[in-house]
PDB file of N, CA and C in Angstrom:
ATOM      1  N   MET A   1     -69.687  82.663 -12.337  1.00  0.00           N
ATOM      2  CA  MET A   1     -69.544  81.226 -12.842  1.00  0.00           C
ATOM      3  C   MET A   1     -68.584  80.381 -12.166  1.00  0.00           C
ATOM      4  N   ILE A   2     -68.786  79.307 -12.227  1.00  0.00           N
ATOM      5  CA  ILE A   2     -67.769  78.202 -11.402  1.00  0.00           C
ATOM      6  C   ILE A   2     -66.617  78.056 -12.124  1.00  0.00           C
ATOM      7  N   SER A   3     -65.583  78.231 -11.638  1.00  0.00           N
ATOM      8  CA  SER A   3     -64.283  77.996 -12.220  1.00  0.00           C
ATOM      9  C   SER A   3     -63.753  76.724 -11.631  1.00  0.00           C
ATOM     10  N   LEU A   4     -63.417  75.806 -12.909  1.00  0.00           N
ATOM     11  CA  LEU A   4     -62.956  74.408 -12.422  1.00  0.00           C
ATOM     12  C   LEU A   4     -61.520  74.309 -12.744  1.00  0.00           C
ATOM     13  N   LYS A   5     -60.737  73.885 -11.655  1.00  0.00           N
ATOM     14  CA  LYS A   5     -59.249  73.546 -11.810  1.00  0.00           C
ATOM     15  C   LYS A   5     -59.112  72.062 -12.503  1.00  0.00           C
ATOM     16  N   LYS A   6     -58.436  72.065 -13.219  1.00  0.00           N
ATOM     17  CA  LYS A   6     -58.016  70.608 -13.807  1.00  0.00           C
ATOM     18  C   LYS A   6     -56.989  70.064 -13.175  1.00  0.00           C
ATOM     19  N   PRO A   7     -57.027  68.755 -12.913  1.00  0.00           N
ATOM     20  CA  PRO A   7     -58.074  67.877 -13.286  1.00  0.00           C
ATOM     21  C   PRO A   7     -59.206  67.880 -12.382  1.00  0.00           C
ATOM     22  N   VAL A   8     -60.233  67.856 -12.873  1.00  0.00           N
ATOM     23  CA  VAL A   8     -61.712  67.917 -12.014  1.00  0.00           C
ATOM     24  C   VAL A   8     -61.721  66.537 -11.380  1.00  0.00           C
ATOM     25  N   GLU A   9     -62.220  66.435 -10.190  1.00  0.00           N
ATOM     26  CA  GLU A   9     -62.436  65.139  -9.603  1.00  0.00           C
ATOM     27  C   GLU A   9     -64.020  65.156  -9.147  1.00  0.00           C
ATOM     28  N   PHE A  10     -64.729  64.082  -9.388  1.00  0.00           N
ATOM     29  CA  PHE A  10     -66.062  64.088  -8.788  1.00  0.00           C
ATOM     30  C   PHE A  10     -65.860  62.747  -7.874  1.00  0.00           C
ATOM     31  N   GLU A  11     -66.725  63.154  -6.778  1.00  0.00           N
ATOM     32  CA  GLU A  11     -67.016  61.933  -5.991  1.00  0.00           C
ATOM     33  C   GLU A  11     -68.227  61.585  -5.924  1.00  0.00           C
ATOM     34  N   TRP A  12     -68.851  60.232  -5.915  1.00  0.00           N
ATOM     35  CA  TRP A  12     -70.085  59.870  -5.962  1.00  0.00           C
ATOM     36  C   TRP A  12     -70.398  59.024  -4.610  1.00  0.00           C
ATOM     37  N   ASP A  13     -71.402  59.494  -3.868  1.00  0.00           N
ATOM     38  CA  ASP A  13     -71.649  58.691  -2.676  1.00  0.00           C
ATOM     39  C   ASP A  13     -72.259  57.285  -3.093  1.00  0.00           C
ATOM     40  N   GLU A  14     -71.947  56.258  -2.516  1.00  0.00           N
ATOM     41  CA  GLU A  14     -72.528  54.858  -2.974  1.00  0.00           C
ATOM     42  C   GLU A  14     -73.953  54.856  -2.644  1.00  0.00           C
ATOM     43  N   GLY A  15     -74.402  55.306  -1.643  1.00  0.00           N
ATOM     44  CA  GLY A  15     -75.740  55.432  -1.300  1.00  0.00           C
ATOM     45  C   GLY A  15     -76.433  56.249  -2.326  1.00  0.00           C
ATOM     46  N   ASN A  16     -76.074  57.178  -3.010  1.00  0.00           N
ATOM     47  CA  ASN A  16     -76.867  57.735  -4.003  1.00  0.00           C
ATOM     48  C   ASN A  16     -76.053  57.591  -5.627  1.00  0.00           C
ATOM     49  N   LEU A  17     -75.337  56.614  -5.576  1.00  0.00           N
ATOM     50  CA  LEU A  17     -74.690  56.283  -6.932  1.00  0.00           C
ATOM     51  C   LEU A  17     -75.707  56.126  -8.066  1.00  0.00           C
ATOM     52  N   ASP A  18     -76.798  55.439  -7.843  1.00  0.00           N
ATOM     53  CA  ASP A  18     -77.873  55.417  -9.012  1.00  0.00           C
ATOM     54  C   ASP A  18     -79.176  56.088  -8.684  1.00  0.00           C
ATOM     55  N   LYS A  19     -79.141  56.915  -7.762  1.00  0.00           N
ATOM     56  CA  LYS A  19     -80.475  57.534  -7.510  1.00  0.00           C
ATOM     57  C   LYS A  19     -80.917  58.469  -8.604  1.00  0.00           C
ATOM     58  N   ASN A  20     -80.132  59.248  -9.169  1.00  0.00           N
ATOM     59  CA  ASN A  20     -80.485  60.230 -10.387  1.00  0.00           C
ATOM     60  C   ASN A  20     -80.835  59.380 -11.340  1.00  0.00           C
ATOM     61  N   SER A  21     -80.228  58.331 -11.792  1.00  0.00           N
ATOM     62  CA  SER A  21     -80.399  57.508 -12.883  1.00  0.00           C
ATOM     63  C   SER A  21     -81.799  56.936 -12.795  1.00  0.00           C
ATOM     64  N   GLU A  22     -81.997  56.363 -11.501  1.00  0.00           N
ATOM     65  CA  GLU A  22     -83.464  55.545 -11.467  1.00  0.00           C
ATOM     66  C   GLU A  22     -84.532  56.427 -11.220  1.00  0.00           C
ATOM     67  N   LYS A  23     -84.434  57.698 -10.411  1.00  0.00           N
ATOM     68  CA  LYS A  23     -85.451  58.788 -10.309  1.00  0.00           C
ATOM     69  C   LYS A  23     -85.578  59.664 -11.486  1.00  0.00           C
ATOM     70  N   HIS A  24     -84.558  60.178 -12.059  1.00  0.00           N
ATOM     71  CA  HIS A  24     -84.475  61.191 -13.181  1.00  0.00           C
ATOM     72  C   HIS A  24     -83.972  60.837 -14.414  1.00  0.00           C
ATOM     73  N   LYS A  25     -83.488  59.710 -14.421  1.00  0.00           N
ATOM     74  CA  LYS A  25     -83.068  59.044 -15.827  1.00  0.00           C
ATOM     75  C   LYS A  25     -81.752  60.035 -16.069  1.00  0.00           C
ATOM     76  N   VAL A  26     -81.046  60.411 -15.309  1.00  0.00           N
ATOM     77  CA  VAL A  26     -79.806  61.149 -15.485  1.00  0.00           C
ATOM     78  C   VAL A  26     -78.636  60.238 -15.035  1.00  0.00           C
ATOM     79  N   ASN A  27     -77.559  59.673 -15.939  1.00  0.00           N
ATOM     80  CA  ASN A  27     -76.573  59.008 -15.367  1.00  0.00           C
ATOM     81  C   ASN A  27     -75.453  59.843 -14.953  1.00  0.00           C
ATOM     82  N   ASN A  28     -74.570  59.319 -14.230  1.00  0.00           N
ATOM     83  CA  ASN A  28     -73.453  60.119 -13.656  1.00  0.00           C
ATOM     84  C   ASN A  28     -72.515  60.711 -14.477  1.00  0.00           C
ATOM     85  N   LEU A  29     -72.119  60.359 -15.476  1.00  0.00           N
ATOM     86  CA  LEU A  29     -71.313  60.860 -16.671  1.00  0.00           C
ATOM     87  C   LEU A  29     -71.984  62.013 -17.385  1.00  0.00           C
ATOM     88  N   GLU A  30     -73.439  61.821 -17.455  1.00  0.00           N
ATOM     89  CA  GLU A  30     -74.013  62.975 -18.190  1.00  0.00           C
ATOM     90  C   GLU A  30     -74.108  64.152 -17.249  1.00  0.00           C
ATOM     91  N   ALA A  31     -74.483  64.048 -16.095  1.00  0.00           N
ATOM     92  CA  ALA A  31     -74.387  65.063 -14.891  1.00  0.00           C
ATOM     93  C   ALA A  31     -72.990  65.718 -14.919  1.00  0.00           C
ATOM     94  N   GLU A  32     -71.868  64.970 -14.968  1.00  0.00           N
ATOM     95  CA  GLU A  32     -70.693  65.578 -14.923  1.00  0.00           C
ATOM     96  C   GLU A  32     -70.446  66.518 -16.208  1.00  0.00           C
ATOM     97  N   GLU A  33     -71.032  66.156 -17.430  1.00  0.00           N
ATOM     98  CA  GLU A  33     -70.735  67.142 -18.390  1.00  0.00           C
ATOM     99  C   GLU A  33     -71.144  68.453 -18.334  1.00  0.00           C
ATOM    100  N   VAL A  34     -72.180  68.682 -17.494  1.00  0.00           N
ATOM    101  CA  VAL A  34     -72.948  69.920 -17.233  1.00  0.00           C
ATOM    102  C   VAL A  34     -71.727  70.998 -16.630  1.00  0.00           C
ATOM    103  N   PHE A  35     -70.795  70.421 -15.888  1.00  0.00           N
ATOM    104  CA  PHE A  35     -69.852  71.454 -15.154  1.00  0.00           C
ATOM    105  C   PHE A  35     -68.919  71.845 -16.342  1.00  0.00           C
ATOM    106  N   PHE A  36     -68.793  71.256 -17.630  1.00  0.00           N
ATOM    107  CA  PHE A  36     -67.835  71.596 -18.503  1.00  0.00           C
ATOM    108  C   PHE A  36     -68.536  72.490 -19.732  1.00  0.00           C
ATOM    109  N   ASP A  37     -69.809  72.699 -19.707  1.00  0.00           N
ATOM    110  CA  ASP A  37     -70.663  73.442 -20.475  1.00  0.00           C
ATOM    111  C   ASP A  37     -70.175  74.967 -20.183  1.00  0.00           C
ATOM    112  N   ASN A  38     -69.649  75.603 -21.332  1.00  0.00           N
ATOM    113  CA  ASN A  38     -69.112  76.967 -21.343  1.00  0.00           C
ATOM    114  C   ASN A  38     -70.318  78.022 -21.051  1.00  0.00           C
ATOM    115  N   ASP A  39     -71.669  77.686 -21.128  1.00  0.00           N
ATOM    116  CA  ASP A  39     -72.777  78.737 -20.897  1.00  0.00           C
ATOM    117  C   ASP A  39     -73.433  78.345 -19.582  1.00  0.00           C
ATOM    118  N   LYS A  40     -72.990  77.392 -18.627  1.00  0.00           N
ATOM    119  CA  LYS A  40     -73.483  76.940 -17.464  1.00  0.00           C
ATOM    120  C   LYS A  40     -73.521  78.141 -16.647  1.00  0.00           C
ATOM    121  N   GLN A  41     -74.424  78.052 -15.535  1.00  0.00           N
ATOM    122  CA  GLN A  41     -74.792  79.229 -14.631  1.00  0.00           C
ATOM    123  C   GLN A  41     -74.940  78.586 -13.431  1.00  0.00           C
ATOM    124  N   GLU A  42     -74.141  79.271 -12.335  1.00  0.00           N
ATOM    125  CA  GLU A  42     -74.195  78.594 -10.978  1.00  0.00           C
ATOM    126  C   GLU A  42     -74.798  79.628 -10.218  1.00  0.00           C
ATOM    127  N   TYR A  43     -75.737  79.071  -9.099  1.00  0.00           N
ATOM    128  CA  TYR A  43     -76.291  79.950  -8.257  1.00  0.00           C
ATOM    129  C   TYR A  43     -76.215  79.275  -6.632  1.00  0.00           C
ATOM    130  N   PRO A  44     -76.302  80.122  -5.593  1.00  0.00           N
ATOM    131  CA  PRO A  44     -76.327  79.516  -4.390  1.00  0.00           C
ATOM    132  C   PRO A  44     -77.518  78.870  -3.878  1.00  0.00           C
ATOM    133  N   ASP A  45     -77.235  77.812  -2.944  1.00  0.00           N
ATOM    134  CA  ASP A  45     -78.690  77.142  -2.586  1.00  0.00           C
ATOM    135  C   ASP A  45     -78.690  77.294  -1.072  1.00  0.00           C
ATOM    136  N   PRO A  46     -79.052  78.609  -0.632  1.00  0.00           N
ATOM    137  CA  PRO A  46     -79.094  78.646   0.842  1.00  0.00           C
ATOM    138  C   PRO A  46     -80.071  77.922   1.568  1.00  0.00           C
ATOM    139  N   ASN A  47     -81.275  77.654   1.113  1.00  0.00           N
ATOM    140  CA  ASN A  47     -82.109  76.721   1.833  1.00  0.00           C
ATOM    141  C   ASN A  47     -81.695  75.461   2.075  1.00  0.00           C
ATOM    142  N   HIS A  48     -80.828  74.945   1.335  1.00  0.00           N
ATOM    143  CA  HIS A  48     -80.278  73.652   1.756  1.00  0.00           C
ATOM    144  C   HIS A  48     -78.883  73.591   2.305  1.00  0.00           C
ATOM    145  N   SER A  49     -78.224  74.822   2.471  1.00  0.00           N
ATOM    146  CA  SER A  49     -76.963  74.835   2.962  1.00  0.00           C
ATOM    147  C   SER A  49     -76.732  74.914   4.479  1.00  0.00           C
ATOM    148  N   LYS A  50     -77.355  74.138   5.169  1.00  0.00           N
ATOM    149  CA  LYS A  50     -77.458  74.358   6.595  1.00  0.00           C
ATOM    150  C   LYS A  50     -76.061  73.575   7.256  1.00  0.00           C
ATOM    151  N   THR A  51     -75.684  72.309   6.673  1.00  0.00           N
ATOM    152  CA  THR A  51     -74.436  71.682   7.277  1.00  0.00           C
ATOM    153  C   THR A  51     -73.236  71.784   6.358  1.00  0.00           C
ATOM    154  N   GLU A  52     -73.453  72.184   5.154  1.00  0.00           N
ATOM    155  CA  GLU A  52     -72.347  72.453   4.056  1.00  0.00           C
ATOM    156  C   GLU A  52     -72.897  73.428   2.956  1.00  0.00           C
ATOM    157  N   ALA A  53     -72.137  74.134   2.514  1.00  0.00           N
ATOM    158  CA  ALA A  53     -72.405  74.976   1.319  1.00  0.00           C
ATOM    159  C   ALA A  53     -72.702  74.224  -0.037  1.00  0.00           C
ATOM    160  N   ARG A  54     -73.971  74.324  -0.256  1.00  0.00           N
ATOM    161  CA  ARG A  54     -74.596  73.764  -1.540  1.00  0.00           C
ATOM    162  C   ARG A  54     -74.746  74.650  -2.667  1.00  0.00           C
ATOM    163  N   LYS A  55     -74.630  74.308  -3.939  1.00  0.00           N
ATOM    164  CA  LYS A  55     -74.861  74.963  -4.948  1.00  0.00           C
ATOM    165  C   LYS A  55     -75.529  74.476  -6.034  1.00  0.00           C
ATOM    166  N   ILE A  56     -76.310  75.217  -7.046  1.00  0.00           N
ATOM    167  CA  ILE A  56     -77.061  74.842  -8.066  1.00  0.00           C
ATOM    168  C   ILE A  56     -76.301  75.362  -9.234  1.00  0.00           C
ATOM    169  N   ILE A  57     -76.245  74.335 -10.399  1.00  0.00           N
ATOM    170  CA  ILE A  57     -75.591  74.668 -11.648  1.00  0.00           C
ATOM    171  C   ILE A  57     -76.746  74.131 -12.602  1.00  0.00           C
ATOM    172  N   VAL A  58     -76.691  75.080 -13.461  1.00  0.00           N
ATOM    173  CA  VAL A  58     -77.832  74.764 -14.677  1.00  0.00           C
ATOM    174  C   VAL A  58     -76.902  74.889 -15.980  1.00  0.00           C
ATOM    175  N   GLY A  59     -77.181  73.908 -16.753  1.00  0.00           N
ATOM    176  CA  GLY A  59     -76.296  73.772 -18.145  1.00  0.00           C
ATOM    177  C   GLY A  59     -76.758  72.600 -18.930  1.00  0.00           C
ATOM    178  N   ARG A  60     -76.013  72.414 -19.847  1.00  0.00           N
ATOM    179  CA  ARG A  60     -76.364  71.631 -20.960  1.00  0.00           C
ATOM    180  C   ARG A  60     -75.283  70.481 -21.136  1.00  0.00           C
ATOM    181  N   THR A  61     -75.739  69.227 -21.469  1.00  0.00           N
ATOM    182  CA  THR A  61     -74.892  68.076 -21.711  1.00  0.00           C
ATOM    183  C   THR A  61     -74.365  68.125 -23.201  1.00  0.00           C
ATOM    184  N   LYS A  62     -73.517  67.213 -23.411  1.00  0.00           N
ATOM    185  CA  LYS A  62     -73.092  67.137 -24.829  1.00  0.00           C
ATOM    186  C   LYS A  62     -74.028  66.964 -25.785  1.00  0.00           C
ATOM    187  N   ASN A  63     -75.150  66.213 -25.263  1.00  0.00           N
ATOM    188  CA  ASN A  63     -76.199  66.034 -26.327  1.00  0.00           C
ATOM    189  C   ASN A  63     -77.404  67.099 -26.305  1.00  0.00           C
ATOM    190  N   GLY A  64     -77.134  68.099 -25.604  1.00  0.00           N
ATOM    191  CA  GLY A  64     -78.002  69.353 -25.608  1.00  0.00           C
ATOM    192  C   GLY A  64     -79.085  69.093 -24.528  1.00  0.00           C
ATOM    193  N   ARG A  65     -79.057  68.208 -23.564  1.00  0.00           N
ATOM    194  CA  ARG A  65     -80.014  68.149 -22.609  1.00  0.00           C
ATOM    195  C   ARG A  65     -79.706  68.937 -21.567  1.00  0.00           C
ATOM    196  N   HIS A  66     -80.711  69.916 -21.215  1.00  0.00           N
ATOM    197  CA  HIS A  66     -80.531  70.784 -19.872  1.00  0.00           C
ATOM    198  C   HIS A  66     -80.813  70.164 -18.711  1.00  0.00           C
ATOM    199  N   LEU A  67     -79.656  70.217 -17.756  1.00  0.00           N
ATOM    200  CA  LEU A  67     -79.887  69.847 -16.389  1.00  0.00           C
ATOM    201  C   LEU A  67     -79.909  70.774 -15.260  1.00  0.00           C
ATOM    202  N   PHE A  68     -80.540  70.510 -14.176  1.00  0.00           N
ATOM    203  CA  PHE A  68     -80.409  71.271 -13.128  1.00  0.00           C
ATOM    204  C   PHE A  68     -79.822  70.255 -11.981  1.00  0.00           C
ATOM    205  N   ILE A  69     -78.678  70.947 -11.467  1.00  0.00           N
ATOM    206  CA  ILE A  69     -77.764  69.931 -10.725  1.00  0.00           C
ATOM    207  C   ILE A  69     -77.568  70.782  -9.170  1.00  0.00           C
ATOM    208  N   VAL A  70     -77.616  69.995  -8.118  1.00  0.00           N
ATOM    209  CA  VAL A  70     -77.442  70.429  -6.654  1.00  0.00           C
ATOM    210  C   VAL A  70     -75.888  69.819  -6.573  1.00  0.00           C
ATOM    211  N   TYR A  71     -75.083  70.601  -5.908  1.00  0.00           N
ATOM    212  CA  TYR A  71     -73.796  69.825  -5.668  1.00  0.00           C
ATOM    213  C   TYR A  71     -73.143  70.624  -4.396  1.00  0.00           C
ATOM    214  N   THR A  72     -72.160  70.023  -4.039  1.00  0.00           N
ATOM    215  CA  THR A  72     -71.265  70.689  -2.992  1.00  0.00           C
ATOM    216  C   THR A  72     -69.774  70.256  -3.292  1.00  0.00           C
ATOM    217  N   LYS A  73     -69.016  70.942  -2.690  1.00  0.00           N
ATOM    218  CA  LYS A  73     -67.436  70.552  -2.796  1.00  0.00           C
ATOM    219  C   LYS A  73     -66.883  69.900  -1.384  1.00  0.00           C
ATOM    220  N   ARG A  74     -66.376  68.962  -1.605  1.00  0.00           N
ATOM    221  CA  ARG A  74     -65.688  68.228  -0.489  1.00  0.00           C
ATOM    222  C   ARG A  74     -64.352  67.888  -0.774  1.00  0.00           C
ATOM    223  N   LYS A  75     -63.321  68.461  -0.071  1.00  0.00           N
ATOM    224  CA  LYS A  75     -61.958  68.122  -0.259  1.00  0.00           C
ATOM    225  C   LYS A  75     -61.477  68.197  -1.635  1.00  0.00           C
ATOM    226  N   ASN A  76     -61.844  69.416  -2.335  1.00  0.00           N
ATOM    227  CA  ASN A  76     -61.741  69.833  -3.702  1.00  0.00           C
ATOM    228  C   ASN A  76     -62.224  68.800  -4.637  1.00  0.00           C
ATOM    229  N   LYS A  77     -63.136  67.942  -4.356  1.00  0.00           N
ATOM    230  CA  LYS A  77     -64.022  67.081  -5.234  1.00  0.00           C
ATOM    231  C   LYS A  77     -65.538  67.718  -5.343  1.00  0.00           C
ATOM    232  N   ILE A  78     -66.006  67.597  -6.507  1.00  0.00           N
ATOM    233  CA  ILE A  78     -67.244  67.860  -6.697  1.00  0.00           C
ATOM    234  C   ILE A  78     -68.362  66.582  -6.201  1.00  0.00           C
ATOM    235  N   ARG A  79     -69.250  66.847  -5.516  1.00  0.00           N
ATOM    236  CA  ARG A  79     -70.078  65.763  -5.093  1.00  0.00           C
ATOM    237  C   ARG A  79     -71.307  66.231  -5.556  1.00  0.00           C
ATOM    238  N   VAL A  80     -71.913  65.498  -6.541  1.00  0.00           N
ATOM    239  CA  VAL A  80     -73.381  65.676  -6.942  1.00  0.00           C
ATOM    240  C   VAL A  80     -74.296  65.288  -6.092  1.00  0.00           C
ATOM    241  N   ILE A  81     -75.253  66.145  -5.688  1.00  0.00           N
ATOM    242  CA  ILE A  81     -76.450  65.624  -4.729  1.00  0.00           C
ATOM    243  C   ILE A  81     -77.566  65.165  -5.384  1.00  0.00           C
ATOM    244  N   SER A  82     -77.780  66.038  -6.651  1.00  0.00           N
ATOM    245  CA  SER A  82     -79.156  65.752  -7.360  1.00  0.00           C
ATOM    246  C   SER A  82     -78.838  66.168  -8.697  1.00  0.00           C
ATOM    247  N   ALA A  83     -79.467  65.502  -9.600  1.00  0.00           N
ATOM    248  CA  ALA A  83     -79.505  65.823 -11.064  1.00  0.00           C
ATOM    249  C   ALA A  83     -80.794  65.433 -11.747  1.00  0.00           C
ATOM    250  N   ARG A  84     -81.301  66.436 -12.476  1.00  0.00           N
ATOM    251  CA  ARG A  84     -82.464  66.252 -13.111  1.00  0.00           C
ATOM    252  C   ARG A  84     -82.593  67.193 -14.262  1.00  0.00           C
ATOM    253  N   ASP A  85     -83.558  66.948 -15.065  1.00  0.00           N
ATOM    254  CA  ASP A  85     -83.879  67.745 -16.193  1.00  0.00           C
ATOM    255  C   ASP A  85     -84.456  69.167 -15.652  1.00  0.00           C
ATOM    256  N   LEU A  86     -84.167  70.133 -16.496  1.00  0.00           N
ATOM    257  CA  LEU A  86     -84.667  71.600 -16.277  1.00  0.00           C
ATOM    258  C   LEU A  86     -86.247  71.464 -16.730  1.00  0.00           C
ATOM    259  N   ASN A  87     -87.108  71.343 -15.968  1.00  0.00           N
ATOM    260  CA  ASN A  87     -88.360  71.176 -16.282  1.00  0.00           C
ATOM    261  C   ASN A  87     -89.304  72.630 -15.702  1.00  0.00           C
ATOM    262  N   LYS A  88     -88.818  73.386 -15.297  1.00  0.00           N
ATOM    263  CA  LYS A  88     -89.504  74.538 -14.717  1.00  0.00           C
ATOM    264  C   LYS A  88     -89.114  75.733 -15.657  1.00  0.00           C
ATOM    265  N   ARG A  89     -90.343  76.397 -16.191  1.00  0.00           N
ATOM    266  CA  ARG A  89     -90.150  77.492 -17.050  1.00  0.00           C
ATOM    267  C   ARG A  89     -89.056  78.549 -16.434  1.00  0.00           C
ATOM    268  N   LYS A  90     -89.092  78.749 -15.364  1.00  0.00           N
ATOM    269  CA  LYS A  90     -88.202  79.854 -14.551  1.00  0.00           C
ATOM    270  C   LYS A  90     -86.855  79.227 -14.706  1.00  0.00           C
ATOM    271  N   GLU A  91     -86.431  78.021 -14.446  1.00  0.00           N
ATOM    272  CA  GLU A  91     -85.138  77.285 -14.407  1.00  0.00           C
ATOM    273  C   GLU A  91     -84.654  77.574 -15.735  1.00  0.00           C
ATOM    274  N   ARG A  92     -85.358  77.043 -16.686  1.00  0.00           N
ATOM    275  CA  ARG A  92     -84.893  77.218 -18.274  1.00  0.00           C
ATOM    276  C   ARG A  92     -84.640  78.590 -18.789  1.00  0.00           C
ATOM    277  N   SER A  93     -85.340  79.374 -18.399  1.00  0.00           N
ATOM    278  CA  SER A  93     -85.182  80.844 -18.706  1.00  0.00           C
ATOM    279  C   SER A  93     -83.887  81.614 -18.113  1.00  0.00           C
ATOM    280  N   LEU A  94     -83.464  80.887 -16.841  1.00  0.00           N
ATOM    281  CA  LEU A  94     -82.162  81.410 -16.184  1.00  0.00           C
ATOM    282  C   LEU A  94     -81.035  81.076 -17.401  1.00  0.00           C
ATOM    283  N   TYR A  95     -81.143  79.903 -17.694  1.00  0.00           N
ATOM    284  CA  TYR A  95     -80.117  79.217 -18.642  1.00  0.00           C
ATOM    285  C   TYR A  95     -80.068  79.854 -19.977  1.00  0.00           C
ATOM    286  N   GLU A  96     -81.127  80.101 -20.511  1.00  0.00           N
ATOM    287  CA  GLU A  96     -81.267  80.645 -21.951  1.00  0.00           C
ATOM    288  C   GLU A  96     -80.903  82.043 -21.978  1.00  0.00           C
ATOM    289  N   GLU A  97     -81.438  82.884 -21.017  1.00  0.00           N
ATOM    290  CA  GLU A  97     -81.146  84.423 -20.839  1.00  0.00           C
ATOM    291  C   GLU A  97     -79.714  84.656 -20.656  1.00  0.00           C
ATOM    292  N   ALA A  98     -79.051  83.732 -20.002  1.00  0.00           N
ATOM    293  CA  ALA A  98     -77.443  83.985 -19.822  1.00  0.00           C
ATOM    294  C   ALA A  98     -76.508  83.591 -21.008  1.00  0.00           C
ATOM    295  N   ALA A  99     -77.114  82.680 -21.896  1.00  0.00           N
ATOM    296  CA  ALA A  99     -76.493  82.097 -23.056  1.00  0.00           C
ATOM    297  C   ALA A  99     -76.132  83.026 -24.222  1.00  0.00           C
TER     298      ALA A  99
END
């Protein structure tokens, strides 16, 4: 499981700042909430880690929305690359089996 040192800092690329909101209806603050879900699960993302190590985290927001997030760490900051709903049966079962 991902271990976060406090305070946690998030870095949002200006080119992607509104991408998740427009494409997947997930705002940045909502995506950040998943990192503080006690039942979150983290997985490597080797298929997309060619230039930097990327990881996948699945978890729940404060309002109970299950999200699938791809992120990387840069200079001790979390940079969310993509955030969307858990919409595949396999992804949701990964979260629910661990909880």
